[in-house]
């Protein structure tokens, strides 16, 4: 069993490595992509992601691109909420 890929640790604390979007994209599983489309209201070609902190914005799933938690961490120059002086929020 492999270890945790630190590049897949999301700023919110979730682990992108267990995300269905990433699984469907990585495996090219079109049937799973279709099921995810019904959940997210997207098209199969939108079901792609290389982790929410991927260098290229096009490699990040649509909804994760506009994540306010990610944006907050980027603005503060921290990797995750746990590094913030305001954590946890009331």
Protein backbone atom coordinates (compact mmCIF):
# COMPACT_ATOMS: atom_id res chain seq x y z
CA UNK A 1 0.00 0.00 0.00
CA UNK A 2 1.33 3.44 -0.94
CA UNK A 3 1.67 6.36 1.37
CA UNK A 4 -0.17 9.63 1.31
CA UNK A 5 0.65 11.92 -1.61
CA UNK A 6 1.11 15.32 0.04
CA UNK A 7 0.25 17.02 -3.26
CA UNK A 8 -3.28 15.69 -2.83
CA UNK A 9 -3.90 17.21 0.59
CA UNK A 10 -6.55 19.88 0.13
CA UNK A 11 -6.36 23.12 2.15
CA UNK A 12 -9.64 22.19 3.86
CA UNK A 13 -8.13 18.96 5.16
CA UNK A 14 -9.81 16.56 2.75
CA UNK A 15 -7.63 14.11 0.82
CA UNK A 16 -8.10 14.42 -2.95
CA UNK A 17 -6.69 10.91 -3.37
CA UNK A 18 -10.04 9.41 -2.32
CA UNK A 19 -12.22 11.71 -4.44
CA UNK A 20 -14.57 10.06 -6.93
CA UNK A 21 -13.79 12.72 -9.53
CA UNK A 22 -10.09 11.83 -9.37
CA UNK A 23 -10.82 8.10 -9.49
CA UNK A 24 -13.07 8.41 -12.53
CA UNK A 25 -10.57 10.66 -14.32
CA UNK A 26 -7.52 8.57 -13.48
CA UNK A 27 -9.16 5.30 -14.49
CA UNK A 28 -10.97 6.70 -17.55
CA UNK A 29 -14.16 5.17 -16.12
CA UNK A 30 -16.84 6.62 -18.39
CA UNK A 31 -19.71 4.87 -16.58
CA UNK A 32 -18.62 6.35 -13.25
CA UNK A 33 -18.19 9.77 -14.90
CA UNK A 34 -21.79 9.60 -16.12
CA UNK A 35 -23.02 8.82 -12.60
CA UNK A 36 -21.00 11.70 -11.19
CA UNK A 37 -22.52 14.02 -13.81
CA UNK A 38 -25.96 13.39 -12.36
CA UNK A 39 -24.66 14.36 -8.91
CA UNK A 40 -22.76 17.48 -9.96
CA UNK A 41 -24.90 18.56 -12.92
CA UNK A 42 -21.95 18.52 -15.31
CA UNK A 43 -20.94 16.84 -18.56
CA UNK A 44 -18.64 13.78 -18.67
CA UNK A 45 -15.81 15.87 -20.13
CA UNK A 46 -15.98 18.07 -17.00
CA UNK A 47 -15.22 15.10 -14.74
CA UNK A 48 -11.48 15.58 -14.51
CA UNK A 49 -9.12 16.55 -11.71
CA UNK A 50 -5.50 16.19 -10.70
CA UNK A 51 -6.07 17.50 -7.17
CA UNK A 52 -7.38 20.87 -6.02
CA UNK A 53 -3.87 22.28 -5.70
CA UNK A 54 -2.73 21.22 -9.19
CA UNK A 55 -0.50 23.82 -10.84
CA UNK A 56 -2.73 24.20 -13.91
CA UNK A 57 -6.20 25.51 -13.14
CA UNK A 58 -7.60 23.44 -16.05
CA UNK A 59 -6.52 20.29 -14.17
CA UNK A 60 -8.79 21.15 -11.22
CA UNK A 61 -12.45 20.08 -11.10
CA UNK A 62 -14.89 22.92 -11.86
CA UNK A 63 -16.29 23.27 -8.34
CA UNK A 64 -12.90 23.03 -6.66
CA UNK A 65 -11.56 25.93 -8.73
CA UNK A 66 -13.79 28.38 -6.88
CA UNK A 67 -13.46 26.88 -3.39
CA UNK A 68 -13.46 29.72 -0.84
CA UNK A 69 -11.31 27.69 1.56
CA UNK A 70 -8.65 27.16 -1.08
CA UNK A 71 -8.75 30.85 -2.03
CA UNK A 72 -8.43 31.93 1.61
CA UNK A 73 -5.37 29.72 2.14
CA UNK A 74 -3.73 30.95 -1.06
CA UNK A 75 -4.33 34.58 -0.03
CA UNK A 76 -2.84 33.96 3.43
CA UNK A 77 0.11 32.00 2.02
CA UNK A 78 -0.63 28.89 4.05
CA UNK A 79 -1.11 25.27 3.01
CA UNK A 80 -4.22 24.59 5.04
CA UNK A 81 -6.74 25.85 7.57
CA UNK A 82 -4.88 24.16 10.39
CA UNK A 83 -2.02 26.67 9.93
CA UNK A 84 -4.29 29.70 10.29
CA UNK A 85 -4.39 31.81 13.46
CA UNK A 86 -8.19 31.98 13.10
CA UNK A 87 -8.59 28.18 13.12
CA UNK A 88 -10.99 26.86 14.18
CA UNK A 89 -13.63 29.37 13.24
CA UNK A 90 -16.36 29.95 15.85
